[in-house]
Amino acid sequence: MKAPKGLLVGALSSLVAAAAFMGMNLFQLGSVSDWDWLYIERYFLTTEAVQFSGGRAGRSEMWRFLFVWGPMVLIPLAIVLLILHFAMKGSKGAKLFADFQQRGWVGRQRSLGLSAINGNRPAPLALIGPAAAPDGYVDQPALQFGSWMATLDKKTIKKLSAGATKANAIKGTPAPLVHENLPGDMIVAAEQKGGELVAVIPPATGTKGYKVLMIKGQEN
């Protein structure tokens, strides 16, 4: 699961800004010391670089203050944001696993020969039923539906695709909402690449949408 992108973007932006401020401060130190870089230690090892006498023009003093203190604020901020990013990433993964333990099941997916629209692109759909069911339990209705789809004209297929899109089939929905002839104990969701077994997490009470995740490590 992904943590909120804003945390990572904020951390990276803070690091970039801190590097820019440090570069500007070092450039100023170099320019006033006739590029004698031994003076760089003033920035890292002494307090002179962060002391402001007020002898400069107000705008110059303000920018110097920003260049010196900016990294001291932005680098710790970036570290905090990165910690939050990975902490939330881990907690979301833990919550997902807990949800699967509470109400999830392992499914077997089979292509339906039907697509829903995801943005501007078609997303192939799959029929997903219990992996523990007997052989052919998922294959047979998926094959029958796919064979029937092959006999339809483009207008009918487009209508079925629009219905699947409206039923939110991409994120997962009970199969009869996509078509009445599909099994009631199965769902339809966007086909996952990488194997036939998927983890299915039904929505919690009062929420909508299934979570369908590929189970990694399958042999193709």
C-alpha atoms as a PDB file:
ATOM      1  CA  MET A   1       0.000   0.000   0.000  1.00  0.00           C
ATOM      2  CA  LYS A   2       1.123   3.510  -0.704  1.00  0.00           C
ATOM      3  CA  ALA A   3       1.464   6.167   1.944  1.00  0.00           C
ATOM      4  CA  PRO A   4       0.137   9.639   1.060  1.00  0.00           C
ATOM      5  CA  LYS A   5       2.280  11.086  -1.722  1.00  0.00           C
ATOM      6  CA  GLY A   6       2.339  14.486  -0.037  1.00  0.00           C
ATOM      7  CA  LEU A   7       4.652  13.204   2.706  1.00  0.00           C
ATOM      8  CA  LEU A   8       7.266  11.915   0.303  1.00  0.00           C
ATOM      9  CA  VAL A   9       6.964  14.957  -1.964  1.00  0.00           C
ATOM     10  CA  GLY A  10       7.335  17.249   1.056  1.00  0.00           C
ATOM     11  CA  ALA A  11      10.406  15.364   2.277  1.00  0.00           C
ATOM     12  CA  LEU A  12      12.118  15.455  -1.100  1.00  0.00           C
ATOM     13  CA  SER A  13      11.211  19.123  -1.618  1.00  0.00           C
ATOM     14  CA  SER A  14      12.660  19.980   1.795  1.00  0.00           C
ATOM     15  CA  LEU A  15      15.914  18.186   0.987  1.00  0.00           C
ATOM     16  CA  VAL A  16      16.204  19.910  -2.393  1.00  0.00           C
ATOM     17  CA  ALA A  17      15.557  23.326  -0.833  1.00  0.00           C
ATOM     18  CA  ALA A  18      18.054  22.630   1.962  1.00  0.00           C
ATOM     19  CA  ALA A  19      20.711  21.637  -0.584  1.00  0.00           C
ATOM     20  CA  ALA A  20      20.011  24.806  -2.578  1.00  0.00           C
ATOM     21  CA  PHE A  21      20.309  27.022   0.512  1.00  0.00           C
ATOM     22  CA  MET A  22      23.550  25.329   1.556  1.00  0.00           C
ATOM     23  CA  GLY A  23      24.925  25.809  -1.937  1.00  0.00           C
ATOM     24  CA  MET A  24      24.027  29.492  -1.936  1.00  0.00           C
ATOM     25  CA  ASN A  25      25.581  30.017   1.483  1.00  0.00           C
ATOM     26  CA  LEU A  26      28.789  28.258   0.458  1.00  0.00           C
ATOM     27  CA  PHE A  27      28.857  30.326  -2.726  1.00  0.00           C
ATOM     28  CA  GLN A  28      28.596  33.511  -0.675  1.00  0.00           C
ATOM     29  CA  LEU A  29      31.377  32.358   1.674  1.00  0.00           C
ATOM     30  CA  GLY A  30      33.554  31.570  -1.303  1.00  0.00           C
ATOM     31  CA  SER A  31      32.913  34.885  -3.005  1.00  0.00           C
ATOM     32  CA  VAL A  32      33.735  36.996   0.064  1.00  0.00           C
ATOM     33  CA  SER A  33      36.880  34.947   0.829  1.00  0.00           C
ATOM     34  CA  ASP A  34      38.267  35.156  -2.689  1.00  0.00           C
ATOM     35  CA  TRP A  35      37.354  31.473  -3.111  1.00  0.00           C
ATOM     36  CA  ASP A  36      39.606  30.326  -0.315  1.00  0.00           C
ATOM     37  CA  TRP A  37      37.624  27.216   0.580  1.00  0.00           C
ATOM     38  CA  LEU A  38      39.379  26.815   3.891  1.00  0.00           C
ATOM     39  CA  TYR A  39      36.758  29.267   5.110  1.00  0.00           C
ATOM     40  CA  ILE A  40      34.049  26.696   4.477  1.00  0.00           C
ATOM     41  CA  GLU A  41      34.709  25.353   7.963  1.00  0.00           C
ATOM     42  CA  ARG A  42      33.100  28.557   9.230  1.00  0.00           C
ATOM     43  CA  TYR A  43      29.818  27.233   7.994  1.00  0.00           C
ATOM     44  CA  PHE A  44      30.152  23.790   9.538  1.00  0.00           C
ATOM     45  CA  LEU A  45      32.355  24.178  12.597  1.00  0.00           C
ATOM     46  CA  THR A  46      31.865  27.676  14.038  1.00  0.00           C
ATOM     47  CA  THR A  47      29.006  29.902  15.071  1.00  0.00           C
ATOM     48  CA  GLU A  48      30.199  32.879  13.052  1.00  0.00           C
ATOM     49  CA  ALA A  49      28.149  31.924  10.048  1.00  0.00           C
ATOM     50  CA  VAL A  50      24.912  32.089  12.032  1.00  0.00           C
ATOM     51  CA  GLN A  51      25.635  35.375  13.781  1.00  0.00           C
ATOM     52  CA  PHE A  52      24.033  38.464  12.311  1.00  0.00           C
ATOM     53  CA  SER A  53      25.430  41.862  13.199  1.00  0.00           C
ATOM     54  CA  GLY A  54      22.885  43.866  11.274  1.00  0.00           C
ATOM     55  CA  GLY A  55      25.692  45.586   9.391  1.00  0.00           C
ATOM     56  CA  ARG A  56      24.378  44.501   6.009  1.00  0.00           C
ATOM     57  CA  ALA A  57      21.443  45.840   4.074  1.00  0.00           C
ATOM     58  CA  GLY A  58      18.123  44.504   5.337  1.00  0.00           C
ATOM     59  CA  ARG A  59      17.358  42.424   2.242  1.00  0.00           C
ATOM     60  CA  SER A  60      20.881  40.967   2.125  1.00  0.00           C
ATOM     61  CA  GLU A  61      20.708  40.102   5.810  1.00  0.00           C
ATOM     62  CA  MET A  62      17.329  38.433   5.319  1.00  0.00           C
ATOM     63  CA  TRP A  63      18.591  36.227   2.482  1.00  0.00           C
ATOM     64  CA  ARG A  64      21.716  35.302   4.455  1.00  0.00           C
ATOM     65  CA  PHE A  65      19.517  34.365   7.398  1.00  0.00           C
ATOM     66  CA  LEU A  66      17.451  32.151   5.075  1.00  0.00           C
ATOM     67  CA  PHE A  67      20.478  30.468   3.489  1.00  0.00           C
ATOM     68  CA  VAL A  68      22.043  29.680   6.874  1.00  0.00           C
ATOM     69  CA  TRP A  69      19.024  28.658   8.911  1.00  0.00           C
ATOM     70  CA  GLY A  70      16.982  27.127   6.093  1.00  0.00           C
ATOM     71  CA  PRO A  71      18.898  23.824   5.960  1.00  0.00           C
ATOM     72  CA  MET A  72      18.869  23.567   9.753  1.00  0.00           C
ATOM     73  CA  VAL A  73      15.072  23.594   9.659  1.00  0.00           C
ATOM     74  CA  LEU A  74      14.422  21.787   6.379  1.00  0.00           C
ATOM     75  CA  ILE A  75      16.694  18.771   6.884  1.00  0.00           C
ATOM     76  CA  PRO A  76      15.084  17.722  10.218  1.00  0.00           C
ATOM     77  CA  LEU A  77      11.678  18.389   8.637  1.00  0.00           C
ATOM     78  CA  ALA A  78      12.564  16.096   5.718  1.00  0.00           C
ATOM     79  CA  ILE A  79      13.645  13.364   8.136  1.00  0.00           C
ATOM     80  CA  VAL A  80      10.373  13.624  10.057  1.00  0.00           C
ATOM     81  CA  LEU A  81       8.324  13.479   6.841  1.00  0.00           C
ATOM     82  CA  LEU A  82      10.254  10.428   5.640  1.00  0.00           C
ATOM     83  CA  ILE A  83       9.671   8.683   8.968  1.00  0.00           C
ATOM     84  CA  LEU A  84       5.959   9.442   8.723  1.00  0.00           C
ATOM     85  CA  HIS A  85       5.882   8.251   5.111  1.00  0.00           C
ATOM     86  CA  PHE A  86       7.371   4.851   5.885  1.00  0.00           C
ATOM     87  CA  ALA A  87       5.459   4.518   9.146  1.00  0.00           C
ATOM     88  CA  MET A  88       2.147   5.128   7.404  1.00  0.00           C
ATOM     89  CA  LYS A  89       3.148   2.823   4.590  1.00  0.00           C
ATOM     90  CA  GLY A  90       3.817   0.079   7.090  1.00  0.00           C
ATOM     91  CA  SER A  91       0.651   0.729   9.091  1.00  0.00           C
ATOM     92  CA  LYS A  92      -1.499   0.646   5.974  1.00  0.00           C
ATOM     93  CA  GLY A  93       0.066  -2.646   4.976  1.00  0.00           C
ATOM     94  CA  ALA A  94      -0.634  -4.013   8.438  1.00  0.00           C
ATOM     95  CA  LYS A  95      -4.240  -2.829   8.263  1.00  0.00           C
ATOM     96  CA  LEU A  96      -4.654  -4.437   4.844  1.00  0.00           C
ATOM     97  CA  PHE A  97      -3.366  -7.743   6.224  1.00  0.00           C
ATOM     98  CA  ALA A  98      -5.687  -7.467   9.212  1.00  0.00           C
ATOM     99  CA  ASP A  99      -8.647  -6.795   6.913  1.00  0.00           C
ATOM    100  CA  PHE A 100      -7.751  -9.867   4.861  1.00  0.00           C
ATOM    101  CA  GLN A 101      -7.569 -11.998   7.994  1.00  0.00           C
ATOM    102  CA  GLN A 102     -10.988 -10.765   9.132  1.00  0.00           C
ATOM    103  CA  ARG A 103     -13.024 -11.076   5.949  1.00  0.00           C
ATOM    104  CA  GLY A 104     -10.748 -11.807   2.971  1.00  0.00           C
ATOM    105  CA  TRP A 105     -10.473 -14.877   0.803  1.00  0.00           C
ATOM    106  CA  VAL A 106      -8.204 -16.261  -1.910  1.00  0.00           C
ATOM    107  CA  GLY A 107      -9.735 -16.148  -5.361  1.00  0.00           C
ATOM    108  CA  ARG A 108      -9.056 -17.585  -8.779  1.00  0.00           C
ATOM    109  CA  GLN A 109      -9.466 -15.174 -11.704  1.00  0.00           C
ATOM    110  CA  ARG A 110     -10.507 -15.928 -15.246  1.00  0.00           C
ATOM    111  CA  SER A 111     -10.810 -13.450 -18.104  1.00  0.00           C
ATOM    112  CA  LEU A 112     -14.334 -12.513 -19.162  1.00  0.00           C
ATOM    113  CA  GLY A 113     -13.528 -11.019 -22.567  1.00  0.00           C
ATOM    114  CA  LEU A 114     -15.148  -7.768 -21.387  1.00  0.00           C
ATOM    115  CA  SER A 115     -13.541  -4.467 -20.496  1.00  0.00           C
ATOM    116  CA  ALA A 116     -14.588  -1.473 -18.433  1.00  0.00           C
ATOM    117  CA  ILE A 117     -13.337   2.050 -19.033  1.00  0.00           C
ATOM    118  CA  ASN A 118     -10.615   3.285 -16.686  1.00  0.00           C
ATOM    119  CA  GLY A 119     -10.117   6.953 -17.542  1.00  0.00           C
ATOM    120  CA  ASN A 120      -9.654   6.798 -21.297  1.00  0.00           C
ATOM    121  CA  ARG A 121      -8.377   3.247 -21.442  1.00  0.00           C
ATOM    122  CA  PRO A 122     -10.157  -0.093 -21.480  1.00  0.00           C
ATOM    123  CA  ALA A 123      -9.397  -2.294 -18.470  1.00  0.00           C
ATOM    124  CA  PRO A 124      -9.892  -6.050 -19.038  1.00  0.00           C
ATOM    125  CA  LEU A 125     -12.185  -7.623 -16.485  1.00  0.00           C
ATOM    126  CA  ALA A 126     -11.973 -10.997 -14.801  1.00  0.00           C
ATOM    127  CA  LEU A 127     -14.461 -13.229 -13.045  1.00  0.00           C
ATOM    128  CA  ILE A 128     -13.145 -14.109  -9.587  1.00  0.00           C
ATOM    129  CA  GLY A 129     -14.400 -17.031  -7.555  1.00  0.00           C
ATOM    130  CA  PRO A 130     -13.111 -19.041  -4.590  1.00  0.00           C
ATOM    131  CA  ALA A 131      -9.783 -20.731  -5.304  1.00  0.00           C
ATOM    132  CA  ALA A 132     -10.750 -23.647  -3.064  1.00  0.00           C
ATOM    133  CA  ALA A 133     -13.736 -24.513  -5.268  1.00  0.00           C
ATOM    134  CA  PRO A 134     -13.617 -27.622  -7.500  1.00  0.00           C
ATOM    135  CA  ASP A 135     -11.875 -27.473 -10.873  1.00  0.00           C
ATOM    136  CA  GLY A 136     -13.989 -25.712 -13.467  1.00  0.00           C
ATOM    137  CA  TYR A 137     -16.092 -23.840 -10.904  1.00  0.00           C
ATOM    138  CA  VAL A 138     -14.734 -20.485 -12.077  1.00  0.00           C
ATOM    139  CA  ASP A 139     -13.525 -21.560 -15.509  1.00  0.00           C
ATOM    140  CA  GLN A 140     -16.881 -22.751 -16.813  1.00  0.00           C
ATOM    141  CA  PRO A 141     -18.987 -19.592 -16.289  1.00  0.00           C
ATOM    142  CA  ALA A 142     -16.094 -17.384 -17.427  1.00  0.00           C
ATOM    143  CA  LEU A 143     -15.636 -19.453 -20.580  1.00  0.00           C
ATOM    144  CA  GLN A 144     -19.352 -19.439 -21.314  1.00  0.00           C
ATOM    145  CA  PHE A 145     -19.555 -15.682 -20.865  1.00  0.00           C
ATOM    146  CA  GLY A 146     -16.465 -15.131 -23.029  1.00  0.00           C
ATOM    147  CA  SER A 147     -17.870 -17.357 -25.784  1.00  0.00           C
ATOM    148  CA  TRP A 148     -21.150 -15.434 -25.677  1.00  0.00           C
ATOM    149  CA  MET A 149     -19.248 -12.114 -25.846  1.00  0.00           C
ATOM    150  CA  ALA A 150     -17.530 -13.314 -29.025  1.00  0.00           C
ATOM    151  CA  THR A 151     -20.919 -13.548 -30.771  1.00  0.00           C
ATOM    152  CA  LEU A 152     -21.983  -9.969 -29.994  1.00  0.00           C
ATOM    153  CA  ASP A 153     -21.757  -6.931 -32.229  1.00  0.00           C
ATOM    154  CA  LYS A 154     -19.709  -3.856 -31.314  1.00  0.00           C
ATOM    155  CA  LYS A 155     -22.745  -1.856 -30.241  1.00  0.00           C
ATOM    156  CA  THR A 156     -23.837  -4.488 -27.713  1.00  0.00           C
ATOM    157  CA  ILE A 157     -20.307  -4.941 -26.412  1.00  0.00           C
ATOM    158  CA  LYS A 158     -20.003  -1.182 -25.933  1.00  0.00           C
ATOM    159  CA  LYS A 159     -23.270  -1.165 -23.994  1.00  0.00           C
ATOM    160  CA  LEU A 160     -22.086  -4.009 -21.749  1.00  0.00           C
ATOM    161  CA  SER A 161     -18.778  -2.223 -21.191  1.00  0.00           C
ATOM    162  CA  ALA A 162     -20.594   0.959 -20.201  1.00  0.00           C
ATOM    163  CA  GLY A 163     -22.714  -1.017 -17.746  1.00  0.00           C
ATOM    164  CA  ALA A 164     -19.636  -2.631 -16.221  1.00  0.00           C
ATOM    165  CA  THR A 165     -18.001   0.769 -15.873  1.00  0.00           C
ATOM    166  CA  LYS A 166     -21.091   2.181 -14.172  1.00  0.00           C
ATOM    167  CA  ALA A 167     -21.139  -0.794 -11.788  1.00  0.00           C
ATOM    168  CA  ASN A 168     -17.558   0.101 -10.761  1.00  0.00           C
ATOM    169  CA  ALA A 169     -16.338  -3.283 -11.928  1.00  0.00           C
ATOM    170  CA  ILE A 170     -12.742  -2.047 -12.151  1.00  0.00           C
ATOM    171  CA  LYS A 171     -12.521  -1.835  -8.358  1.00  0.00           C
ATOM    172  CA  GLY A 172     -14.561  -4.973  -7.826  1.00  0.00           C
ATOM    173  CA  THR A 173     -18.288  -5.583  -7.672  1.00  0.00           C
ATOM    174  CA  PRO A 174     -20.642  -8.582  -7.300  1.00  0.00           C
ATOM    175  CA  ALA A 175     -20.692 -10.394 -10.635  1.00  0.00           C
ATOM    176  CA  PRO A 176     -24.503 -10.180 -11.220  1.00  0.00           C
ATOM    177  CA  LEU A 177     -24.222  -6.368 -11.234  1.00  0.00           C
ATOM    178  CA  VAL A 178     -22.121  -6.682 -14.388  1.00  0.00           C
ATOM    179  CA  HIS A 179     -24.434  -9.242 -15.969  1.00  0.00           C
ATOM    180  CA  GLU A 180     -27.366 -11.150 -14.556  1.00  0.00           C
ATOM    181  CA  ASN A 181     -26.105 -14.486 -15.907  1.00  0.00           C
ATOM    182  CA  LEU A 182     -22.871 -14.382 -13.920  1.00  0.00           C
ATOM    183  CA  PRO A 183     -22.678 -16.363 -10.643  1.00  0.00           C
ATOM    184  CA  GLY A 184     -23.953 -14.639  -7.531  1.00  0.00           C
ATOM    185  CA  ASP A 185     -21.152 -15.954  -5.302  1.00  0.00           C
ATOM    186  CA  MET A 186     -18.388 -14.385  -7.424  1.00  0.00           C
ATOM    187  CA  ILE A 187     -17.155 -10.907  -8.176  1.00  0.00           C
ATOM    188  CA  VAL A 188     -15.906  -9.084 -11.251  1.00  0.00           C
ATOM    189  CA  ALA A 189     -12.834  -6.872 -11.010  1.00  0.00           C
ATOM    190  CA  ALA A 190     -10.003  -5.548 -13.145  1.00  0.00           C
ATOM    191  CA  GLU A 191      -7.841  -8.454 -14.236  1.00  0.00           C
ATOM    192  CA  GLN A 192      -4.599  -8.643 -12.248  1.00  0.00           C
ATOM    193  CA  LYS A 193      -1.421  -9.506 -14.130  1.00  0.00           C
ATOM    194  CA  GLY A 194       1.030 -12.009 -12.746  1.00  0.00           C
ATOM    195  CA  GLY A 195      -0.971 -15.166 -12.078  1.00  0.00           C
ATOM    196  CA  GLU A 196      -4.396 -16.637 -11.497  1.00  0.00           C
ATOM    197  CA  LEU A 197      -4.574 -16.411  -7.695  1.00  0.00           C
ATOM    198  CA  VAL A 198      -5.583 -13.137  -6.048  1.00  0.00           C
ATOM    199  CA  ALA A 199      -6.381 -11.924  -2.558  1.00  0.00           C
ATOM    200  CA  VAL A 200      -9.902 -10.531  -2.272  1.00  0.00           C
ATOM    201  CA  ILE A 201     -10.969  -8.231   0.564  1.00  0.00           C
ATOM    202  CA  PRO A 202     -14.700  -7.448   0.595  1.00  0.00           C
ATOM    203  CA  PRO A 203     -15.761  -3.968   1.717  1.00  0.00           C
ATOM    204  CA  ALA A 204     -16.338  -3.361   5.406  1.00  0.00           C
ATOM    205  CA  THR A 205     -19.856  -2.659   6.623  1.00  0.00           C
ATOM    206  CA  GLY A 206     -21.012   0.721   5.378  1.00  0.00           C
ATOM    207  CA  THR A 207     -18.331   0.989   2.689  1.00  0.00           C
ATOM    208  CA  LYS A 208     -18.130   0.090  -0.980  1.00  0.00           C
ATOM    209  CA  GLY A 209     -15.583  -1.502  -3.273  1.00  0.00           C
ATOM    210  CA  TYR A 210     -13.542  -4.677  -3.095  1.00  0.00           C
ATOM    211  CA  LYS A 211      -9.758  -4.777  -2.859  1.00  0.00           C
ATOM    212  CA  VAL A 212      -8.228  -7.290  -5.253  1.00  0.00           C
ATOM    213  CA  LEU A 213      -4.479  -7.857  -4.994  1.00  0.00           C
ATOM    214  CA  MET A 214      -2.194 -10.171  -6.936  1.00  0.00           C
ATOM    215  CA  ILE A 215      -0.534 -12.862  -4.835  1.00  0.00           C
ATOM    216  CA  LYS A 216       3.151 -12.663  -5.677  1.00  0.00           C
ATOM    217  CA  GLY A 217       5.470 -15.581  -6.211  1.00  0.00           C
ATOM    218  CA  GLN A 218       3.153 -17.598  -8.443  1.00  0.00           C
ATOM    219  CA  GLU A 219       4.626 -19.861 -11.064  1.00  0.00           C
ATOM    220  CA  ASN A 220       3.539 -18.930 -14.576  1.00  0.00           C
END
